[in-house]
Amino acid sequence: MKVLIIGSGGREHTLAWKISKSPKVDKIYCAPGNAGIAEYAECVPIGAMELEKLADFAEEKKVGLTVIGMDDPLVAGIVDVFEARGLRVFGPRKNAAILEGSKAFSKDLMKKYRIPTAAYETFEEAEKALAYLETAPMPVVLKADGLALGKGVLICETLSEAREGVKSIMTDKKFGEAGNRMVVEEFLTGREVSVLSFVDGDTIRIMTSAQDHKRAKDNDEGLNTGGMGTFSPSPFYTEEVDAFCREHIYQATVDAMKAEGRPFKGVIFFGLMLTEKGPRVLEYNARFGDPEAQVVLPRMENDMVDVMEACIDGRLKDIELKFEDNAAACVVLASDGYPLAYEKGKKITGLDTVKAREEDGYYVFHAGTRFENGSIVTNGGRVLGVTAVGKNLREARAKAYEAAEWVNFSNKYMRRDIGKAIEEA
């Protein structure tokens, strides 16, 4: 089988690595890909939003399965484009990808079907949002309605910060059209947990849990980013939490989407907050998380292609997901200055050292890299996800930081506390 992966980040590199292990697969393409993905796939210079061109390519090469890694093409309707041509594709249709594409839609869905989430209000006019905030309890969370590369969420401690946040999202359009509508949400406290799942429209199968670190600096300080590191599993995702979520959140979401005439096939990412009053949904994503995929997929025992095809064909009830009884940690190596201004084109060394230790549970997944004059250089804010598997979190974390020191580029930056608080708890 020929497989086409759409995307160019660490998530797509992880998918390419995992899919390459399937005995069903003899050729992988990736559009547009990156320098790391090129080890497993033939990278094709077609942008992720060039939907018709991508479908043309899949037809021309007789691709048997296309896997959509990124949110933008999903929300734009790439699955509909492929299905209209009779092409097999893994991911939700446009009318289901709205689960991630609109914060207002997902909040309204949860409210209608009584899926536990934070209290909220939605606004389309900055003036009305500002008036509401005058009497709202602080802190408060402001969310741009549309896609914003994981950065369109502002936690405002004071009224003045909230006013500035409204200006940034709705007036100055810092996140573009994503800020045409804005959700003002109750601030929840507790432990955050990420849970990925496979869905076939009716059945849901839960993957192992993970925890992301969004803030740019140690001790959860600094700006929100796309993710500076993660680990799996979360010790706070207990059997009791799992039972509650299965009853009140997971299947309820799948059933709600089906009831709305938007059956969901693909991956639903549940961003959860474990509050004193029980788990609450912070957000949904309509695809694998990044960097959550980097710690979840190395622990997954199943053939990825088997599971994806079962989702497409409505056979997921026949699949039992299996994960190794171990732990994984991922430390993101970023360009100093991310998520604001940073330089690209820095030569990366030490990648072969990590690659040589893959059998020992060391991995490096490329997020923002490219080839230049025979070398691999930086090509983004998040550059690499250095991942390690160990018998427990302590070992996985130690190995990930060990490997992070083997890899270097001139403006390398990383958080030093990924998983530290959990390890010390």
Protein backbone atom coordinates (compact mmCIF):
# COMPACT_ATOMS: atom_id res chain seq x y z
CA MET A 1 0.00 0.00 0.00
CA LYS A 2 1.06 3.57 -0.71
CA VAL A 3 0.37 6.10 2.06
CA LEU A 4 0.32 9.90 1.82
CA ILE A 5 0.75 11.99 4.99
CA ILE A 6 -0.26 15.66 4.95
CA GLY A 7 1.81 17.99 7.14
CA SER A 8 5.35 19.01 8.00
CA GLY A 9 5.81 18.90 11.79
CA GLY A 10 6.84 16.63 14.63
CA ARG A 11 3.43 14.98 14.67
CA GLU A 12 3.73 14.04 11.00
CA HIS A 13 7.28 12.74 11.51
CA THR A 14 5.97 10.53 14.33
CA LEU A 15 3.13 9.32 12.10
CA ALA A 16 5.56 8.54 9.26
CA TRP A 17 7.81 6.60 11.66
CA LYS A 18 4.88 4.63 13.08
CA ILE A 19 3.20 3.95 9.73
CA SER A 20 6.53 2.77 8.25
CA LYS A 21 6.41 -0.15 10.70
CA SER A 22 3.22 -1.54 9.14
CA PRO A 23 3.84 -4.58 6.91
CA LYS A 24 0.95 -3.32 4.73
CA VAL A 25 2.94 -0.25 3.65
CA ASP A 26 5.58 -0.29 0.92
CA LYS A 27 5.76 3.42 0.07
CA ILE A 28 5.13 6.63 2.03
CA TYR A 29 4.79 10.15 0.62
CA CYS A 30 4.55 13.29 2.73
CA ALA A 31 3.40 16.73 1.61
CA PRO A 32 5.25 18.93 2.23
CA GLY A 33 7.29 17.03 4.87
CA ASN A 34 10.59 18.03 6.47
CA ALA A 35 14.19 16.84 6.73
CA GLY A 36 13.40 14.17 9.32
CA ILE A 37 10.33 12.83 7.57
CA ALA A 38 12.48 12.33 4.47
CA GLU A 39 14.05 9.28 6.15
CA TYR A 40 10.73 7.42 5.90
CA ALA A 41 8.86 9.19 3.10
CA GLU A 42 9.34 10.84 -0.24
CA CYS A 43 8.64 14.51 0.48
CA VAL A 44 6.45 16.21 -2.10
CA PRO A 45 6.50 20.02 -2.59
CA ILE A 46 2.73 20.53 -2.29
CA GLY A 47 1.37 22.75 0.48
CA ALA A 48 -1.01 21.29 3.06
CA MET A 49 -3.76 23.71 1.96
CA GLU A 50 -3.48 22.90 -1.76
CA LEU A 51 -6.37 20.48 -1.44
CA GLU A 52 -7.07 19.76 -5.10
CA LYS A 53 -3.37 19.37 -5.93
CA LEU A 54 -3.01 16.89 -3.08
CA ALA A 55 -5.99 14.90 -4.35
CA ASP A 56 -4.52 14.99 -7.89
CA PHE A 57 -1.26 13.60 -6.51
CA ALA A 58 -3.03 10.83 -4.55
CA GLU A 59 -4.91 9.81 -7.70
CA GLU A 60 -1.82 9.91 -9.89
CA LYS A 61 0.28 7.80 -7.50
CA LYS A 62 -2.60 5.43 -6.66
CA VAL A 63 -2.29 6.17 -2.94
CA GLY A 64 -4.25 3.65 -0.87
CA LEU A 65 -4.52 5.76 2.29
CA THR A 66 -4.07 9.47 3.00
CA VAL A 67 -3.53 10.58 6.61
CA ILE A 68 -4.24 14.22 7.47
CA GLY A 69 -1.98 15.38 10.27
CA MET A 70 -2.79 19.10 10.42
CA ASP A 71 -5.86 21.00 11.57
CA ASP A 72 -6.04 23.64 8.81
CA PRO A 73 -6.71 21.29 5.87
CA LEU A 74 -9.20 19.30 7.96
CA VAL A 75 -11.20 22.40 8.82
CA ALA A 76 -10.97 23.51 5.17
CA GLY A 77 -12.57 20.24 4.02
CA ILE A 78 -9.72 18.17 2.59
CA VAL A 79 -11.46 14.91 3.57
CA ASP A 80 -14.55 15.91 1.56
CA VAL A 81 -12.33 16.68 -1.46
CA PHE A 82 -10.64 13.28 -1.28
CA GLU A 83 -13.85 11.33 -0.63
CA ALA A 84 -15.54 13.01 -3.61
CA ARG A 85 -12.87 11.37 -5.77
CA GLY A 86 -13.26 7.96 -4.15
CA LEU A 87 -9.94 8.23 -2.28
CA ARG A 88 -9.49 6.61 1.13
CA VAL A 89 -8.59 9.24 3.71
CA PHE A 90 -8.22 9.25 7.50
CA GLY A 91 -9.68 12.28 9.25
CA PRO A 92 -13.00 14.03 9.90
CA ARG A 93 -15.04 15.69 7.19
CA LYS A 94 -15.37 19.47 7.21
CA ASN A 95 -18.69 19.42 9.07
CA ALA A 96 -17.10 17.32 11.86
CA ALA A 97 -13.71 19.11 11.97
CA ILE A 98 -15.64 22.16 13.19
CA LEU A 99 -15.27 20.49 16.60
CA GLU A 100 -11.79 22.03 16.57
CA GLY A 101 -12.39 24.74 13.98
CA SER A 102 -14.81 26.72 16.15
CA LYS A 103 -14.47 27.12 19.90
CA ALA A 104 -17.99 28.56 20.00
CA PHE A 105 -19.42 25.48 18.23
CA SER A 106 -17.71 23.05 20.58
CA LYS A 107 -18.79 24.98 23.69
CA ASP A 108 -22.38 25.13 22.44
CA LEU A 109 -22.27 21.39 21.70
CA MET A 110 -21.08 20.60 25.22
CA LYS A 111 -23.74 22.83 26.73
CA LYS A 112 -26.52 21.25 24.65
CA TYR A 113 -25.51 17.68 25.44
CA ARG A 114 -24.46 18.35 29.05
CA ILE A 115 -20.82 17.41 28.54
CA PRO A 116 -18.87 18.85 31.53
CA THR A 117 -16.98 22.03 30.63
CA ALA A 118 -16.27 25.53 31.96
CA ALA A 119 -18.99 28.18 32.00
CA TYR A 120 -18.66 30.58 29.06
CA GLU A 121 -20.09 33.36 26.91
CA THR A 122 -19.49 34.00 23.19
CA PHE A 123 -19.04 37.45 21.64
CA GLU A 124 -18.83 38.83 18.11
CA GLU A 125 -18.37 42.48 19.15
CA ALA A 126 -15.47 43.74 21.24
CA GLU A 127 -17.64 46.32 23.00
CA LYS A 128 -20.03 43.68 24.33
CA ALA A 129 -17.15 41.49 25.46
CA LEU A 130 -15.61 44.42 27.35
CA ALA A 131 -18.93 45.22 29.00
CA TYR A 132 -19.31 41.59 30.13
CA LEU A 133 -15.79 41.53 31.58
CA GLU A 134 -16.55 44.50 33.86
CA THR A 135 -18.55 42.19 36.14
CA ALA A 136 -16.88 38.83 35.38
CA PRO A 137 -14.81 37.17 38.12
CA MET A 138 -11.07 37.11 37.47
CA PRO A 139 -8.97 35.34 36.34
CA VAL A 140 -10.71 34.64 33.04
CA VAL A 141 -9.79 32.80 29.82
CA LEU A 142 -10.18 34.42 26.38
CA LYS A 143 -10.23 32.14 23.33
CA ALA A 144 -10.15 33.15 19.69
CA ASP A 145 -12.95 31.16 18.06
CA GLY A 146 -10.96 29.81 15.09
CA LEU A 147 -7.61 28.09 14.54
CA ALA A 148 -4.60 29.96 15.91
CA LEU A 149 -1.73 27.44 15.96
CA GLY A 150 -2.45 26.59 19.58
CA LYS A 151 -1.73 30.18 20.65
CA GLY A 152 -5.18 31.81 20.55
CA VAL A 153 -5.87 31.30 24.26
CA LEU A 154 -5.12 34.06 26.76
CA ILE A 155 -5.28 33.61 30.53
CA CYS A 156 -6.00 37.02 32.05
CA GLU A 157 -5.37 37.52 35.76
CA THR A 158 -6.82 41.03 35.99
CA LEU A 159 -9.48 43.16 34.33
CA SER A 160 -6.83 45.31 32.66
CA GLU A 161 -5.20 42.18 31.18
CA ALA A 162 -8.61 41.00 29.96
CA ARG A 163 -9.28 44.36 28.29
CA GLU A 164 -5.90 44.15 26.57
CA GLY A 165 -6.70 40.57 25.54
CA VAL A 166 -9.97 41.63 23.87
CA LYS A 167 -8.08 44.34 22.00
CA SER A 168 -5.44 41.83 20.90
CA ILE A 169 -7.91 39.16 19.70
CA MET A 170 -10.89 41.14 18.39
CA THR A 171 -9.63 44.62 17.53
CA ASP A 172 -6.00 44.16 16.51
CA LYS A 173 -6.76 40.71 15.04
CA LYS A 174 -3.50 39.22 16.36
CA PHE A 175 -4.76 35.78 15.32
CA GLY A 176 -6.39 36.96 12.09
CA GLU A 177 -9.93 35.89 11.28
CA ALA A 178 -9.81 33.42 14.17
CA GLY A 179 -10.61 36.44 16.34
CA ASN A 180 -13.84 37.43 14.57
CA ARG A 181 -15.60 35.66 17.43
CA MET A 182 -14.30 35.14 20.92
CA VAL A 183 -15.22 32.87 23.81
CA VAL A 184 -14.88 34.21 27.37
CA GLU A 185 -14.52 31.24 29.68
CA GLU A 186 -14.49 30.53 33.40
CA PHE A 187 -10.94 29.93 34.66
CA LEU A 188 -10.59 26.36 35.91
CA THR A 189 -7.88 25.09 38.24
CA GLY A 190 -6.50 21.59 38.53
CA ARG A 191 -4.26 19.19 36.61
CA GLU A 192 -4.39 19.27 32.82
CA VAL A 193 -4.46 15.97 30.95
CA SER A 194 -4.53 15.24 27.21
CA VAL A 195 -6.34 12.12 25.99
CA LEU A 196 -6.26 11.04 22.35
CA SER A 197 -8.85 8.72 20.85
CA PHE A 198 -9.72 6.95 17.61
CA VAL A 199 -13.33 7.32 16.41
CA ASP A 200 -15.27 5.66 13.56
CA GLY A 201 -18.48 7.69 13.79
CA ASP A 202 -20.04 5.41 16.40
CA THR A 203 -17.32 3.71 18.41
CA ILE A 204 -14.51 5.40 20.33
CA ARG A 205 -11.26 3.79 21.47
CA ILE A 206 -9.16 5.68 24.01
CA MET A 207 -5.37 5.92 23.73
CA THR A 208 -3.06 6.36 26.69
CA SER A 209 -3.01 9.71 28.52
CA ALA A 210 -0.40 12.46 28.23
CA GLN A 211 0.37 15.90 29.64
CA ASP A 212 1.63 18.84 27.59
CA HIS A 213 3.63 21.86 28.78
CA LYS A 214 2.35 24.89 26.83
CA ARG A 215 4.24 27.79 28.39
CA ALA A 216 7.56 28.82 26.86
CA LYS A 217 9.58 28.98 30.08
CA ASP A 218 10.24 26.84 33.14
CA ASN A 219 7.68 26.76 35.96
CA ASP A 220 4.91 27.36 33.42
CA GLU A 221 5.95 30.96 32.88
CA GLY A 222 6.16 32.86 29.59
CA LEU A 223 3.91 32.88 26.56
CA ASN A 224 1.68 30.06 25.33
CA THR A 225 3.31 27.96 22.61
CA GLY A 226 2.36 24.98 20.49
CA GLY A 227 3.90 22.80 23.21
CA MET A 228 7.38 22.69 24.78
CA GLY A 229 7.32 19.06 25.86
CA THR A 230 5.12 16.29 27.13
CA PHE A 231 5.04 12.95 28.89
CA SER A 232 2.85 9.85 28.98
CA PRO A 233 1.04 8.48 30.90
CA SER A 234 -0.30 11.04 33.37
CA PRO A 235 -0.34 9.70 36.95
CA PHE A 236 -3.38 11.88 37.59
CA TYR A 237 -5.42 10.08 34.95
CA THR A 238 -6.67 7.44 37.38
CA GLU A 239 -9.13 4.59 36.83
CA GLU A 240 -11.75 6.75 38.56
CA VAL A 241 -11.12 9.68 36.19
CA ASP A 242 -11.17 7.33 33.21
CA ALA A 243 -14.50 5.82 34.26
CA PHE A 244 -16.08 9.29 34.66
CA CYS A 245 -14.80 10.46 31.28
CA ARG A 246 -15.97 7.34 29.48
CA GLU A 247 -19.46 7.80 30.91
CA HIS A 248 -19.87 11.57 30.64
CA ILE A 249 -17.39 12.86 28.03
CA TYR A 250 -15.94 10.48 25.45
CA GLN A 251 -18.89 8.52 24.08
CA ALA A 252 -21.16 11.49 24.79
CA THR A 253 -19.11 13.62 22.40
CA VAL A 254 -19.19 11.01 19.64
CA ASP A 255 -22.95 10.56 20.09
CA ALA A 256 -23.52 14.34 20.14
CA MET A 257 -21.68 14.82 16.85
CA LYS A 258 -23.67 12.00 15.25
CA ALA A 259 -26.95 13.46 16.57
CA GLU A 260 -26.00 16.80 14.99
CA GLY A 261 -25.57 15.14 11.59
CA ARG A 262 -21.78 15.51 11.85
CA PRO A 263 -20.49 11.95 12.39
CA PHE A 264 -16.84 12.09 13.37
CA LYS A 265 -14.23 9.72 11.94
CA GLY A 266 -10.59 10.16 12.83
CA VAL A 267 -8.86 11.31 16.01
CA ILE A 268 -10.52 13.36 18.75
CA PHE A 269 -8.09 14.98 21.17
CA PHE A 270 -9.67 15.72 24.55
CA GLY A 271 -7.97 18.49 26.52
CA LEU A 272 -9.16 17.93 30.09
CA MET A 273 -8.87 19.80 33.38
CA LEU A 274 -9.16 17.62 36.47
CA THR A 275 -10.95 20.01 38.83
CA GLU A 276 -12.15 19.49 42.41
CA LYS A 277 -15.64 18.98 40.95
CA GLY A 278 -14.47 16.38 38.45
CA PRO A 279 -13.01 16.35 34.91
CA ARG A 280 -14.00 19.19 32.55
CA VAL A 281 -13.32 19.54 28.82
CA LEU A 282 -11.02 22.48 28.08
CA GLU A 283 -10.88 21.92 24.33
CA TYR A 284 -11.27 19.46 21.50
CA ASN A 285 -8.84 18.94 18.65
CA ALA A 286 -9.74 17.01 15.51
CA ARG A 287 -6.34 15.34 15.02
CA PHE A 288 -3.31 14.02 16.89
CA GLY A 289 -1.76 16.47 19.32
CA ASP A 290 1.73 17.80 18.79
CA PRO A 291 3.84 16.97 20.82
CA GLU A 292 1.44 14.44 22.42
CA ALA A 293 1.77 12.10 19.42
CA GLN A 294 5.52 11.92 20.10
CA VAL A 295 4.98 10.19 23.47
CA VAL A 296 1.74 8.29 22.78
CA LEU A 297 2.60 6.57 19.49
CA PRO A 298 5.98 5.11 20.60
CA ARG A 299 4.04 3.30 23.38
CA MET A 300 1.31 2.00 21.05
CA GLU A 301 1.59 -1.67 20.08
CA ASN A 302 -1.07 -1.76 17.33
CA ASP A 303 -0.42 -1.50 13.60
CA MET A 304 -1.38 2.11 12.88
CA VAL A 305 -2.76 1.33 9.43
CA ASP A 306 -5.06 -1.39 10.83
CA VAL A 307 -6.59 1.08 13.29
CA MET A 308 -6.99 3.89 10.77
CA GLU A 309 -8.66 1.61 8.23
CA ALA A 310 -11.02 0.32 10.92
CA CYS A 311 -12.04 3.95 11.62
CA ILE A 312 -12.71 4.61 7.93
CA ASP A 313 -14.71 1.40 7.52
CA GLY A 314 -16.71 1.64 10.77
CA ARG A 315 -15.02 -1.45 12.25
CA LEU A 316 -13.37 0.13 15.28
CA LYS A 317 -15.43 -1.99 17.69
CA ASP A 318 -13.30 -4.95 16.53
CA ILE A 319 -10.04 -3.23 17.54
CA GLU A 320 -8.48 -3.40 21.01
CA LEU A 321 -5.85 -0.71 21.49
CA LYS A 322 -2.74 -1.90 23.30
CA PHE A 323 -0.02 0.20 24.91
CA GLU A 324 3.25 -0.83 26.50
CA ASP A 325 3.46 -0.72 30.30
CA ASN A 326 6.10 2.00 30.37
CA ALA A 327 6.45 5.78 30.07
CA ALA A 328 7.68 8.30 27.51
CA ALA A 329 8.90 11.89 27.71
CA CYS A 330 9.48 14.46 24.97
CA VAL A 331 11.59 17.61 25.31
CA VAL A 332 11.13 20.18 22.53
CA LEU A 333 14.28 21.88 21.28
CA ALA A 334 13.20 25.30 20.09
CA SER A 335 14.83 28.34 18.50
CA ASP A 336 15.58 30.92 21.18
CA GLY A 337 12.94 33.66 20.99
CA TYR A 338 10.06 31.31 20.11
CA PRO A 339 7.08 31.91 20.01
CA LEU A 340 7.89 35.50 18.98
CA ALA A 341 10.98 36.31 16.87
CA TYR A 342 13.69 33.73 16.16
CA GLU A 343 16.35 32.98 13.57
CA LYS A 344 16.28 30.05 11.16
CA GLY A 345 18.95 28.29 9.13
CA LYS A 346 21.13 27.11 12.05
CA LYS A 347 23.04 23.88 11.38
CA ILE A 348 21.95 20.96 13.57
CA THR A 349 24.48 18.41 14.85
CA GLY A 350 24.15 15.22 16.87
CA LEU A 351 21.05 13.77 15.18
CA ASP A 352 22.90 10.60 14.19
CA THR A 353 23.84 10.00 17.81
CA VAL A 354 20.18 9.80 18.80
CA LYS A 355 19.26 7.73 15.75
CA ALA A 356 21.92 5.16 16.62
CA ARG A 357 20.23 4.61 19.99
CA GLU A 358 16.67 4.07 18.73
CA GLU A 359 16.67 0.42 19.83
CA ASP A 360 17.37 1.70 23.36
CA GLY A 361 14.27 3.89 23.29
CA TYR A 362 15.76 7.19 22.09
CA TYR A 363 14.03 9.10 19.27
CA VAL A 364 14.20 12.53 17.66
CA PHE A 365 11.19 13.80 15.73
CA HIS A 366 11.66 16.81 13.45
CA ALA A 367 9.23 19.72 13.76
CA GLY A 368 10.92 22.59 11.91
CA THR A 369 13.88 21.44 9.82
CA ARG A 370 15.04 21.49 6.21
CA PHE A 371 18.01 20.44 4.08
CA GLU A 372 20.51 23.14 3.11
CA ASN A 373 23.82 22.50 1.36
CA GLY A 374 23.93 18.89 2.49
CA SER A 375 23.16 19.68 6.12
CA ILE A 376 19.99 19.71 8.20
CA VAL A 377 19.22 23.20 9.50
CA THR A 378 16.53 24.80 11.66
CA ASN A 379 13.38 25.97 9.89
CA GLY A 380 10.95 26.94 12.63
CA GLY A 381 10.31 27.92 16.23
CA ARG A 382 9.89 24.37 17.46
CA VAL A 383 12.74 22.49 15.81
CA LEU A 384 12.92 18.98 17.27
CA GLY A 385 11.08 16.75 19.72
CA VAL A 386 13.63 14.63 21.57
CA THR A 387 11.72 11.65 22.93
CA ALA A 388 12.69 8.73 25.13
CA VAL A 389 10.90 5.67 26.48
CA GLY A 390 11.70 4.25 29.92
CA LYS A 391 10.25 1.83 32.44
CA ASN A 392 8.79 4.83 34.34
CA LEU A 393 8.60 8.61 34.01
CA ARG A 394 11.81 9.17 35.97
CA GLU A 395 13.81 7.00 33.56
CA ALA A 396 12.06 8.35 30.43
CA ARG A 397 12.64 11.94 31.53
CA ALA A 398 16.31 11.34 32.34
CA LYS A 399 16.88 9.69 28.96
CA ALA A 400 15.08 12.47 27.07
CA TYR A 401 17.23 15.16 28.68
CA GLU A 402 20.34 13.05 28.13
CA ALA A 403 19.55 12.85 24.40
CA ALA A 404 18.63 16.55 24.26
CA GLU A 405 22.26 17.31 25.15
CA TRP A 406 23.53 15.20 22.23
CA VAL A 407 21.79 17.49 19.73
CA ASN A 408 22.95 21.06 19.17
CA PHE A 409 22.34 24.19 17.09
CA SER A 410 23.50 27.72 17.87
CA ASN A 411 20.24 29.16 19.25
CA LYS A 412 18.94 25.99 20.94
CA TYR A 413 16.46 26.57 23.75
CA MET A 414 14.47 24.13 25.88
CA ARG A 415 12.54 23.97 29.08
CA ARG A 416 14.41 22.11 31.82
CA ASP A 417 11.38 21.01 33.83
CA ILE A 418 9.29 18.80 31.53
CA GLY A 419 7.67 16.25 33.86
CA LYS A 420 9.78 17.39 36.82
CA ALA A 421 6.89 18.28 39.10
CA ILE A 422 5.25 14.91 38.46
CA GLU A 423 8.46 13.03 39.09
CA GLU A 424 8.95 14.85 42.40
CA ALA A 425 5.30 14.49 43.51
